[in-house]
Amino acid sequence: QAGLLIYAGFILGFDGERSGAGDRIRAFVEETQIPQPMLGILQALPNT
């Protein structure tokens, strides 16, 4: 509403994640109408 288009990142695979996490992300994207949600699978990057 302030006037900024939203791009957003989403991740699957967190520890303790419940089944249906993708469905909940999809529902959130549809609620917010974010055009380009970047969906990824969690990776452990070195030294993090």
All heavy atoms as atom14 arrays in JSON, in Angstrom:
{
  "sequence": "QAGLLIYAGFILGFDGERSGAGDRIRAFVEETQIPQPMLGILQALPNT",
  "atom14_mask": [
    [1, 1, 1, 1, 1, 1, 1, 1, 1, 0, 0, 0, 0, 0],
    [1, 1, 1, 1, 1, 0, 0, 0, 0, 0, 0, 0, 0, 0],
    [1, 1, 1, 1, 0, 0, 0, 0, 0, 0, 0, 0, 0, 0],
    [1, 1, 1, 1, 1, 1, 1, 1, 0, 0, 0, 0, 0, 0],
    [1, 1, 1, 1, 1, 1, 1, 1, 0, 0, 0, 0, 0, 0],
    [1, 1, 1, 1, 1, 1, 1, 1, 0, 0, 0, 0, 0, 0],
    [1, 1, 1, 1, 1, 1, 1, 1, 1, 1, 1, 1, 0, 0],
    [1, 1, 1, 1, 1, 0, 0, 0, 0, 0, 0, 0, 0, 0],
    [1, 1, 1, 1, 0, 0, 0, 0, 0, 0, 0, 0, 0, 0],
    [1, 1, 1, 1, 1, 1, 1, 1, 1, 1, 1, 0, 0, 0],
    [1, 1, 1, 1, 1, 1, 1, 1, 0, 0, 0, 0, 0, 0],
    [1, 1, 1, 1, 1, 1, 1, 1, 0, 0, 0, 0, 0, 0],
    [1, 1, 1, 1, 0, 0, 0, 0, 0, 0, 0, 0, 0, 0],
    [1, 1, 1, 1, 1, 1, 1, 1, 1, 1, 1, 0, 0, 0],
    [1, 1, 1, 1, 1, 1, 1, 1, 0, 0, 0, 0, 0, 0],
    [1, 1, 1, 1, 0, 0, 0, 0, 0, 0, 0, 0, 0, 0],
    [1, 1, 1, 1, 1, 1, 1, 1, 1, 0, 0, 0, 0, 0],
    [1, 1, 1, 1, 1, 1, 1, 1, 1, 1, 1, 0, 0, 0],
    [1, 1, 1, 1, 1, 1, 0, 0, 0, 0, 0, 0, 0, 0],
    [1, 1, 1, 1, 0, 0, 0, 0, 0, 0, 0, 0, 0, 0],
    [1, 1, 1, 1, 1, 0, 0, 0, 0, 0, 0, 0, 0, 0],
    [1, 1, 1, 1, 0, 0, 0, 0, 0, 0, 0, 0, 0, 0],
    [1, 1, 1, 1, 1, 1, 1, 1, 0, 0, 0, 0, 0, 0],
    [1, 1, 1, 1, 1, 1, 1, 1, 1, 1, 1, 0, 0, 0],
    [1, 1, 1, 1, 1, 1, 1, 1, 0, 0, 0, 0, 0, 0],
    [1, 1, 1, 1, 1, 1, 1, 1, 1, 1, 1, 0, 0, 0],
    [1, 1, 1, 1, 1, 0, 0, 0, 0, 0, 0, 0, 0, 0],
    [1, 1, 1, 1, 1, 1, 1, 1, 1, 1, 1, 0, 0, 0],
    [1, 1, 1, 1, 1, 1, 1, 0, 0, 0, 0, 0, 0, 0],
    [1, 1, 1, 1, 1, 1, 1, 1, 1, 0, 0, 0, 0, 0],
    [1, 1, 1, 1, 1, 1, 1, 1, 1, 0, 0, 0, 0, 0],
    [1, 1, 1, 1, 1, 1, 1, 0, 0, 0, 0, 0, 0, 0],
    [1, 1, 1, 1, 1, 1, 1, 1, 1, 0, 0, 0, 0, 0],
    [1, 1, 1, 1, 1, 1, 1, 1, 0, 0, 0, 0, 0, 0],
    [1, 1, 1, 1, 1, 1, 1, 0, 0, 0, 0, 0, 0, 0],
    [1, 1, 1, 1, 1, 1, 1, 1, 1, 0, 0, 0, 0, 0],
    [1, 1, 1, 1, 1, 1, 1, 0, 0, 0, 0, 0, 0, 0],
    [1, 1, 1, 1, 1, 1, 1, 1, 0, 0, 0, 0, 0, 0],
    [1, 1, 1, 1, 1, 1, 1, 1, 0, 0, 0, 0, 0, 0],
    [1, 1, 1, 1, 0, 0, 0, 0, 0, 0, 0, 0, 0, 0],
    [1, 1, 1, 1, 1, 1, 1, 1, 0, 0, 0, 0, 0, 0],
    [1, 1, 1, 1, 1, 1, 1, 1, 0, 0, 0, 0, 0, 0],
    [1, 1, 1, 1, 1, 1, 1, 1, 1, 0, 0, 0, 0, 0],
    [1, 1, 1, 1, 1, 0, 0, 0, 0, 0, 0, 0, 0, 0],
    [1, 1, 1, 1, 1, 1, 1, 1, 0, 0, 0, 0, 0, 0],
    [1, 1, 1, 1, 1, 1, 1, 0, 0, 0, 0, 0, 0, 0],
    [1, 1, 1, 1, 1, 1, 1, 1, 0, 0, 0, 0, 0, 0],
    [1, 1, 1, 1, 1, 1, 1, 0, 0, 0, 0, 0, 0, 0]
  ],
  "atom14_positions": [
    [[0.82, -1.21, 0.0], [0.0, 0.0, 0.0], [0.86, 1.26, 0.0], [0.4, 2.31, -0.45], [-0.95, -0.02, 1.2], [-2.07, -1.03, 1.06], [-3.04, -1.04, 2.23], [-2.75, -0.47, 3.3], [-4.19, -1.66, 2.06], [0.0, 0.0, 0.0], [0.0, 0.0, 0.0], [0.0, 0.0, 0.0], [0.0, 0.0, 0.0], [0.0, 0.0, 0.0]],
    [[2.08, 1.14, 0.49], [2.99, 2.29, 0.43], [3.46, 2.56, -1.0], [3.91, 3.67, -1.3], [4.19, 2.07, 1.34], [0.0, 0.0, 0.0], [0.0, 0.0, 0.0], [0.0, 0.0, 0.0], [0.0, 0.0, 0.0], [0.0, 0.0, 0.0], [0.0, 0.0, 0.0], [0.0, 0.0, 0.0], [0.0, 0.0, 0.0], [0.0, 0.0, 0.0]],
    [[3.36, 1.54, -1.86], [3.75, 1.72, -3.26], [4.91, 0.89, -3.72], [5.48, 1.14, -4.79], [0.0, 0.0, 0.0], [0.0, 0.0, 0.0], [0.0, 0.0, 0.0], [0.0, 0.0, 0.0], [0.0, 0.0, 0.0], [0.0, 0.0, 0.0], [0.0, 0.0, 0.0], [0.0, 0.0, 0.0], [0.0, 0.0, 0.0], [0.0, 0.0, 0.0]],
    [[5.29, -0.15, -2.95], [6.43, -0.99, -3.31], [5.97, -2.39, -3.71], [5.27, -3.07, -2.96], [7.41, -1.1, -2.14], [8.09, 0.19, -1.7], [8.99, -0.06, -0.49], [8.9, 0.81, -2.84], [0.0, 0.0, 0.0], [0.0, 0.0, 0.0], [0.0, 0.0, 0.0], [0.0, 0.0, 0.0], [0.0, 0.0, 0.0], [0.0, 0.0, 0.0]],
    [[6.39, -2.81, -4.89], [6.17, -4.18, -5.35], [7.0, -5.13, -4.49], [8.16, -4.84, -4.19], [6.6, -4.3, -6.82], [6.56, -5.69, -7.45], [5.13, -6.07, -7.81], [7.44, -5.73, -8.7], [0.0, 0.0, 0.0], [0.0, 0.0, 0.0], [0.0, 0.0, 0.0], [0.0, 0.0, 0.0], [0.0, 0.0, 0.0], [0.0, 0.0, 0.0]],
    [[6.41, -6.25, -4.09], [7.12, -7.2, -3.24], [7.59, -8.39, -4.05], [6.81, -9.03, -4.77], [6.21, -7.69, -2.08], [5.93, -6.53, -1.12], [6.86, -8.85, -1.34], [4.99, -6.9, 0.01], [0.0, 0.0, 0.0], [0.0, 0.0, 0.0], [0.0, 0.0, 0.0], [0.0, 0.0, 0.0], [0.0, 0.0, 0.0], [0.0, 0.0, 0.0]],
    [[8.89, -8.68, -3.96], [9.47, -9.97, -4.33], [9.78, -10.67, -3.01], [10.1, -10.01, -2.02], [10.75, -9.79, -5.14], [10.61, -8.95, -6.38], [10.77, -7.56, -6.33], [10.34, -9.52, -7.62], [10.65, -6.77, -7.47], [10.23, -8.75, -8.76], [10.38, -7.37, -8.68], [10.27, -6.6, -9.8], [0.0, 0.0, 0.0], [0.0, 0.0, 0.0]],
    [[9.71, -11.99, -2.97], [9.89, -12.64, -1.68], [10.52, -14.01, -1.82], [10.31, -14.72, -2.82], [8.55, -12.76, -0.95], [0.0, 0.0, 0.0], [0.0, 0.0, 0.0], [0.0, 0.0, 0.0], [0.0, 0.0, 0.0], [0.0, 0.0, 0.0], [0.0, 0.0, 0.0], [0.0, 0.0, 0.0], [0.0, 0.0, 0.0], [0.0, 0.0, 0.0]],
    [[11.31, -14.39, -0.81], [11.94, -15.7, -0.76], [11.27, -16.59, 0.26], [10.9, -16.14, 1.36], [0.0, 0.0, 0.0], [0.0, 0.0, 0.0], [0.0, 0.0, 0.0], [0.0, 0.0, 0.0], [0.0, 0.0, 0.0], [0.0, 0.0, 0.0], [0.0, 0.0, 0.0], [0.0, 0.0, 0.0], [0.0, 0.0, 0.0], [0.0, 0.0, 0.0]],
    [[11.11, -17.87, -0.09], [10.52, -18.87, 0.8], [11.41, -20.11, 0.78], [12.04, -20.43, -0.23], [9.11, -19.25, 0.36], [8.12, -18.1, 0.45], [7.96, -17.24, -0.63], [7.38, -17.89, 1.6], [7.06, -16.19, -0.56], [6.49, -16.83, 1.67], [6.33, -15.98, 0.59], [0.0, 0.0, 0.0], [0.0, 0.0, 0.0], [0.0, 0.0, 0.0]],
    [[11.44, -20.83, 1.9], [12.32, -21.99, 2.05], [11.54, -23.16, 2.64], [10.76, -22.99, 3.57], [13.52, -21.66, 2.96], [14.39, -20.56, 2.33], [14.37, -22.9, 3.22], [15.52, -20.08, 3.23], [0.0, 0.0, 0.0], [0.0, 0.0, 0.0], [0.0, 0.0, 0.0], [0.0, 0.0, 0.0], [0.0, 0.0, 0.0], [0.0, 0.0, 0.0]],
    [[11.79, -24.35, 2.09], [11.28, -25.59, 2.64], [12.43, -26.39, 3.23], [13.55, -26.36, 2.71], [10.6, -26.43, 1.56], [9.25, -25.93, 1.05], [8.84, -26.69, -0.21], [8.17, -26.07, 2.12], [0.0, 0.0, 0.0], [0.0, 0.0, 0.0], [0.0, 0.0, 0.0], [0.0, 0.0, 0.0], [0.0, 0.0, 0.0], [0.0, 0.0, 0.0]],
    [[12.17, -27.12, 4.32], [13.17, -28.03, 4.87], [13.74, -27.66, 6.21], [14.72, -28.27, 6.65], [0.0, 0.0, 0.0], [0.0, 0.0, 0.0], [0.0, 0.0, 0.0], [0.0, 0.0, 0.0], [0.0, 0.0, 0.0], [0.0, 0.0, 0.0], [0.0, 0.0, 0.0], [0.0, 0.0, 0.0], [0.0, 0.0, 0.0], [0.0, 0.0, 0.0]],
    [[13.14, -26.69, 6.91], [13.62, -26.33, 8.23], [13.43, -27.49, 9.2], [12.5, -28.3, 9.07], [12.89, -25.1, 8.77], [13.22, -23.82, 8.04], [12.25, -23.16, 7.3], [14.49, -23.28, 8.11], [12.54, -21.98, 6.64], [14.8, -22.1, 7.44], [13.83, -21.45, 6.71], [0.0, 0.0, 0.0], [0.0, 0.0, 0.0], [0.0, 0.0, 0.0]],
    [[14.29, -27.55, 10.2], [14.14, -28.57, 11.25], [12.78, -28.41, 11.94], [12.35, -27.3, 12.26], [15.26, -28.43, 12.28], [16.52, -29.16, 11.87], [16.56, -29.68, 10.74], [17.46, -29.2, 12.69], [0.0, 0.0, 0.0], [0.0, 0.0, 0.0], [0.0, 0.0, 0.0], [0.0, 0.0, 0.0], [0.0, 0.0, 0.0], [0.0, 0.0, 0.0]],
    [[12.12, -29.55, 12.17], [10.84, -29.53, 12.85], [9.68, -29.1, 11.97], [8.54, -28.96, 12.46], [0.0, 0.0, 0.0], [0.0, 0.0, 0.0], [0.0, 0.0, 0.0], [0.0, 0.0, 0.0], [0.0, 0.0, 0.0], [0.0, 0.0, 0.0], [0.0, 0.0, 0.0], [0.0, 0.0, 0.0], [0.0, 0.0, 0.0], [0.0, 0.0, 0.0]],
    [[9.92, -28.93, 10.68], [8.88, -28.47, 9.76], [7.76, -29.51, 9.68], [7.99, -30.71, 9.53], [9.5, -28.26, 8.38], [8.59, -27.69, 7.32], [9.36, -27.42, 6.05], [9.65, -28.38, 5.31], [9.72, -26.25, 5.81], [0.0, 0.0, 0.0], [0.0, 0.0, 0.0], [0.0, 0.0, 0.0], [0.0, 0.0, 0.0], [0.0, 0.0, 0.0]],
    [[6.53, -29.04, 9.77], [5.37, -29.93, 9.71], [4.99, -30.22, 8.26], [5.26, -29.42, 7.36], [4.18, -29.31, 10.44], [4.37, -29.16, 11.94], [3.18, -28.46, 12.59], [3.15, -27.03, 12.28], [2.2, -26.43, 11.58], [1.19, -27.13, 11.07], [2.24, -25.12, 11.36], [0.0, 0.0, 0.0], [0.0, 0.0, 0.0], [0.0, 0.0, 0.0]],
    [[4.37, -31.35, 8.04], [3.86, -31.68, 6.72], [2.9, -30.6, 6.25], [2.21, -29.97, 7.05], [3.15, -33.03, 6.75], [4.06, -34.07, 7.04], [0.0, 0.0, 0.0], [0.0, 0.0, 0.0], [0.0, 0.0, 0.0], [0.0, 0.0, 0.0], [0.0, 0.0, 0.0], [0.0, 0.0, 0.0], [0.0, 0.0, 0.0], [0.0, 0.0, 0.0]],
    [[2.88, -30.4, 4.95], [1.99, -29.39, 4.38], [2.58, -27.99, 4.37], [1.86, -27.02, 4.12], [0.0, 0.0, 0.0], [0.0, 0.0, 0.0], [0.0, 0.0, 0.0], [0.0, 0.0, 0.0], [0.0, 0.0, 0.0], [0.0, 0.0, 0.0], [0.0, 0.0, 0.0], [0.0, 0.0, 0.0], [0.0, 0.0, 0.0], [0.0, 0.0, 0.0]],
    [[3.9, -27.89, 4.6], [4.53, -26.56, 4.62], [4.38, -25.86, 3.27], [4.17, -24.65, 3.21], [6.01, -26.69, 4.99], [0.0, 0.0, 0.0], [0.0, 0.0, 0.0], [0.0, 0.0, 0.0], [0.0, 0.0, 0.0], [0.0, 0.0, 0.0], [0.0, 0.0, 0.0], [0.0, 0.0, 0.0], [0.0, 0.0, 0.0], [0.0, 0.0, 0.0]],
    [[4.47, -26.63, 2.19], [4.3, -26.03, 0.87], [2.9, -25.48, 0.66], [2.72, -24.41, 0.07], [0.0, 0.0, 0.0], [0.0, 0.0, 0.0], [0.0, 0.0, 0.0], [0.0, 0.0, 0.0], [0.0, 0.0, 0.0], [0.0, 0.0, 0.0], [0.0, 0.0, 0.0], [0.0, 0.0, 0.0], [0.0, 0.0, 0.0], [0.0, 0.0, 0.0]],
    [[1.9, -26.18, 1.15], [0.53, -25.7, 1.05], [0.35, -24.39, 1.8], [-0.36, -23.48, 1.34], [-0.44, -26.74, 1.6], [-0.53, -27.98, 0.72], [-0.22, -27.87, -0.49], [-0.91, -29.05, 1.24], [0.0, 0.0, 0.0], [0.0, 0.0, 0.0], [0.0, 0.0, 0.0], [0.0, 0.0, 0.0], [0.0, 0.0, 0.0], [0.0, 0.0, 0.0]],
    [[1.0, -24.28, 2.95], [0.87, -23.05, 3.75], [1.59, -21.88, 3.07], [1.12, -20.74, 3.13], [1.39, -23.29, 5.17], [0.51, -24.27, 5.96], [0.91, -24.37, 7.41], [2.22, -24.98, 7.62], [2.44, -26.29, 7.65], [1.44, -27.15, 7.46], [3.66, -26.79, 7.86], [0.0, 0.0, 0.0], [0.0, 0.0, 0.0], [0.0, 0.0, 0.0]],
    [[2.72, -22.16, 2.44], [3.4, -21.11, 1.66], [2.52, -20.68, 0.49], [2.35, -19.48, 0.23], [4.77, -21.62, 1.16], [5.74, -21.72, 2.33], [5.33, -20.68, 0.08], [7.07, -22.36, 1.98], [0.0, 0.0, 0.0], [0.0, 0.0, 0.0], [0.0, 0.0, 0.0], [0.0, 0.0, 0.0], [0.0, 0.0, 0.0], [0.0, 0.0, 0.0]],
    [[1.94, -21.66, -0.18], [1.07, -21.33, -1.32], [-0.13, -20.49, -0.89], [-0.49, -19.51, -1.56], [0.61, -22.62, -2.0], [-0.1, -22.4, -3.33], [-0.13, -23.68, -4.14], [-0.88, -24.75, -3.51], [-0.39, -25.91, -3.13], [0.91, -26.16, -3.31], [-1.14, -26.84, -2.58], [0.0, 0.0, 0.0], [0.0, 0.0, 0.0], [0.0, 0.0, 0.0]],
    [[-0.71, -20.82, 0.24], [-1.85, -20.06, 0.75], [-1.43, -18.63, 1.1], [-2.17, -17.66, 0.83], [-2.45, -20.76, 1.96], [0.0, 0.0, 0.0], [0.0, 0.0, 0.0], [0.0, 0.0, 0.0], [0.0, 0.0, 0.0], [0.0, 0.0, 0.0], [0.0, 0.0, 0.0], [0.0, 0.0, 0.0], [0.0, 0.0, 0.0], [0.0, 0.0, 0.0]],
    [[-0.24, -18.49, 1.68], [0.26, -17.16, 2.03], [0.49, -16.32, 0.77], [0.14, -15.14, 0.72], [1.56, -17.29, 2.82], [2.13, -15.97, 3.26], [1.74, -15.39, 4.45], [3.07, -15.3, 2.46], [2.27, -14.16, 4.85], [3.6, -14.09, 2.85], [3.19, -13.51, 4.04], [0.0, 0.0, 0.0], [0.0, 0.0, 0.0], [0.0, 0.0, 0.0]],
    [[1.07, -16.93, -0.25], [1.32, -16.21, -1.5], [0.01, -15.77, -2.14], [-0.11, -14.65, -2.64], [2.14, -17.09, -2.47], [2.2, -16.46, -3.86], [3.55, -17.3, -1.93], [0.0, 0.0, 0.0], [0.0, 0.0, 0.0], [0.0, 0.0, 0.0], [0.0, 0.0, 0.0], [0.0, 0.0, 0.0], [0.0, 0.0, 0.0], [0.0, 0.0, 0.0]],
    [[-0.98, -16.64, -2.11], [-2.28, -16.26, -2.69], [-2.94, -15.17, -1.88], [-3.59, -14.27, -2.44], [-3.19, -17.49, -2.76], [-2.72, -18.56, -3.74], [-2.5, -18.03, -5.15], [-3.31, -17.21, -5.62], [-1.51, -18.42, -5.79], [0.0, 0.0, 0.0], [0.0, 0.0, 0.0], [0.0, 0.0, 0.0], [0.0, 0.0, 0.0], [0.0, 0.0, 0.0]],
    [[-2.77, -15.19, -0.56], [-3.36, -14.14, 0.28], [-2.72, -12.79, 0.01], [-3.4, -11.76, -0.07], [-3.19, -14.5, 1.76], [-3.73, -13.44, 2.72], [-3.45, -13.75, 4.17], [-2.8, -14.79, 4.46], [-3.87, -12.96, 5.04], [0.0, 0.0, 0.0], [0.0, 0.0, 0.0], [0.0, 0.0, 0.0], [0.0, 0.0, 0.0], [0.0, 0.0, 0.0]],
    [[-1.4, -12.77, -0.14], [-0.68, -11.51, -0.33], [-0.51, -11.13, -1.8], [-0.09, -10.0, -2.09], [0.72, -11.61, 0.31], [1.41, -12.75, -0.23], [0.6, -11.77, 1.83], [0.0, 0.0, 0.0], [0.0, 0.0, 0.0], [0.0, 0.0, 0.0], [0.0, 0.0, 0.0], [0.0, 0.0, 0.0], [0.0, 0.0, 0.0], [0.0, 0.0, 0.0]],
    [[-0.81, -12.06, -2.7], [-0.7, -11.82, -4.15], [0.71, -11.41, -4.56], [0.91, -10.58, -5.45], [-1.71, -10.77, -4.61], [-3.17, -11.18, -4.44], [-3.53, -12.39, -5.29], [-3.11, -12.5, -6.44], [-4.31, -13.3, -4.74], [0.0, 0.0, 0.0], [0.0, 0.0, 0.0], [0.0, 0.0, 0.0], [0.0, 0.0, 0.0], [0.0, 0.0, 0.0]],
    [[1.73, -11.99, -3.9], [3.11, -11.73, -4.29], [3.36, -12.39, -5.65], [3.21, -13.6, -5.78], [4.08, -12.29, -3.23], [3.91, -11.53, -1.91], [5.52, -12.21, -3.73], [4.66, -12.14, -0.75], [0.0, 0.0, 0.0], [0.0, 0.0, 0.0], [0.0, 0.0, 0.0], [0.0, 0.0, 0.0], [0.0, 0.0, 0.0], [0.0, 0.0, 0.0]],
    [[3.74, -11.62, -6.67], [3.82, -12.2, -8.02], [4.9, -13.28, -8.16], [4.67, -14.32, -8.75], [4.13, -11.0, -8.91], [3.71, -9.81, -8.12], [3.94, -10.17, -6.68], [0.0, 0.0, 0.0], [0.0, 0.0, 0.0], [0.0, 0.0, 0.0], [0.0, 0.0, 0.0], [0.0, 0.0, 0.0], [0.0, 0.0, 0.0], [0.0, 0.0, 0.0]],
    [[6.1, -12.99, -7.64], [7.25, -13.85, -7.92], [7.86, -14.4, -6.61], [8.93, -13.96, -6.19], [8.31, -13.09, -8.71], [7.84, -12.7, -10.09], [8.87, -11.88, -10.86], [10.01, -11.73, -10.44], [8.47, -11.34, -12.0], [0.0, 0.0, 0.0], [0.0, 0.0, 0.0], [0.0, 0.0, 0.0], [0.0, 0.0, 0.0], [0.0, 0.0, 0.0]],
    [[7.19, -15.36, -5.98], [7.78, -15.99, -4.8], [8.92, -16.93, -5.2], [8.74, -17.81, -6.03], [6.61, -16.77, -4.2], [5.74, -17.09, -5.39], [5.87, -15.91, -6.31], [0.0, 0.0, 0.0], [0.0, 0.0, 0.0], [0.0, 0.0, 0.0], [0.0, 0.0, 0.0], [0.0, 0.0, 0.0], [0.0, 0.0, 0.0], [0.0, 0.0, 0.0]],
    [[10.1, -16.71, -4.63], [11.23, -17.59, -4.89], [11.22, -18.71, -3.86], [11.46, -18.48, -2.68], [12.55, -16.83, -4.8], [13.75, -17.66, -5.27], [15.32, -17.16, -4.52], [15.18, -17.98, -2.94], [0.0, 0.0, 0.0], [0.0, 0.0, 0.0], [0.0, 0.0, 0.0], [0.0, 0.0, 0.0], [0.0, 0.0, 0.0], [0.0, 0.0, 0.0]],
    [[10.91, -19.9, -4.31], [10.83, -21.05, -3.42], [12.12, -21.86, -3.52], [12.55, -22.22, -4.62], [9.63, -21.93, -3.79], [9.38, -23.13, -2.89], [9.03, -22.7, -1.48], [8.27, -24.01, -3.47], [0.0, 0.0, 0.0], [0.0, 0.0, 0.0], [0.0, 0.0, 0.0], [0.0, 0.0, 0.0], [0.0, 0.0, 0.0], [0.0, 0.0, 0.0]],
    [[12.74, -22.15, -2.4], [13.97, -22.92, -2.38], [13.92, -24.02, -1.35], [13.04, -24.06, -0.48], [0.0, 0.0, 0.0], [0.0, 0.0, 0.0], [0.0, 0.0, 0.0], [0.0, 0.0, 0.0], [0.0, 0.0, 0.0], [0.0, 0.0, 0.0], [0.0, 0.0, 0.0], [0.0, 0.0, 0.0], [0.0, 0.0, 0.0], [0.0, 0.0, 0.0]],
    [[14.87, -24.95, -1.46], [15.06, -26.01, -0.48], [16.27, -25.65, 0.36], [17.31, -25.26, -0.17], [15.25, -27.38, -1.17], [14.02, -27.72, -2.01], [15.49, -28.47, -0.13], [14.17, -29.0, -2.82], [0.0, 0.0, 0.0], [0.0, 0.0, 0.0], [0.0, 0.0, 0.0], [0.0, 0.0, 0.0], [0.0, 0.0, 0.0], [0.0, 0.0, 0.0]],
    [[16.15, -25.76, 1.67], [17.2, -25.33, 2.58], [18.52, -26.05, 2.3], [18.56, -27.26, 2.13], [16.77, -25.6, 4.03], [17.73, -25.1, 5.12], [17.88, -23.58, 5.07], [17.26, -25.55, 6.5], [0.0, 0.0, 0.0], [0.0, 0.0, 0.0], [0.0, 0.0, 0.0], [0.0, 0.0, 0.0], [0.0, 0.0, 0.0], [0.0, 0.0, 0.0]],
    [[19.59, -25.26, 2.25], [20.95, -25.79, 2.13], [21.77, -25.26, 3.3], [21.57, -24.13, 3.76], [21.6, -25.33, 0.83], [20.83, -25.69, -0.43], [20.81, -27.16, -0.72], [21.71, -27.89, -0.3], [19.8, -27.63, -1.43], [0.0, 0.0, 0.0], [0.0, 0.0, 0.0], [0.0, 0.0, 0.0], [0.0, 0.0, 0.0], [0.0, 0.0, 0.0]],
    [[22.69, -26.06, 3.78], [23.64, -25.61, 4.8], [24.85, -25.02, 4.11], [25.66, -25.75, 3.53], [24.04, -26.77, 5.7], [0.0, 0.0, 0.0], [0.0, 0.0, 0.0], [0.0, 0.0, 0.0], [0.0, 0.0, 0.0], [0.0, 0.0, 0.0], [0.0, 0.0, 0.0], [0.0, 0.0, 0.0], [0.0, 0.0, 0.0], [0.0, 0.0, 0.0]],
    [[24.98, -23.71, 4.14], [26.11, -23.04, 3.5], [27.32, -23.08, 4.42], [27.19, -22.99, 5.64], [25.73, -21.59, 3.16], [24.6, -21.43, 2.15], [24.28, -19.95, 1.96], [24.94, -22.08, 0.83], [0.0, 0.0, 0.0], [0.0, 0.0, 0.0], [0.0, 0.0, 0.0], [0.0, 0.0, 0.0], [0.0, 0.0, 0.0], [0.0, 0.0, 0.0]],
    [[28.52, -23.2, 3.84], [29.73, -23.32, 4.65], [29.89, -22.17, 5.64], [29.65, -21.01, 5.32], [30.86, -23.31, 3.61], [30.21, -23.8, 2.36], [28.8, -23.29, 2.4], [0.0, 0.0, 0.0], [0.0, 0.0, 0.0], [0.0, 0.0, 0.0], [0.0, 0.0, 0.0], [0.0, 0.0, 0.0], [0.0, 0.0, 0.0], [0.0, 0.0, 0.0]],
    [[30.29, -22.53, 6.86], [30.66, -21.59, 7.92], [29.47, -20.89, 8.58], [29.68, -20.07, 9.48], [31.65, -20.53, 7.41], [32.86, -21.16, 6.73], [33.42, -22.13, 7.23], [33.24, -20.62, 5.59], [0.0, 0.0, 0.0], [0.0, 0.0, 0.0], [0.0, 0.0, 0.0], [0.0, 0.0, 0.0], [0.0, 0.0, 0.0], [0.0, 0.0, 0.0]],
    [[28.25, -21.17, 8.12], [27.09, -20.6, 8.8], [26.85, -21.33, 10.12], [27.35, -22.43, 10.35], [25.82, -20.71, 7.94], [25.58, -22.1, 7.65], [25.98, -19.95, 6.63], [0.0, 0.0, 0.0], [0.0, 0.0, 0.0], [0.0, 0.0, 0.0], [0.0, 0.0, 0.0], [0.0, 0.0, 0.0], [0.0, 0.0, 0.0], [0.0, 0.0, 0.0]]
  ]
}
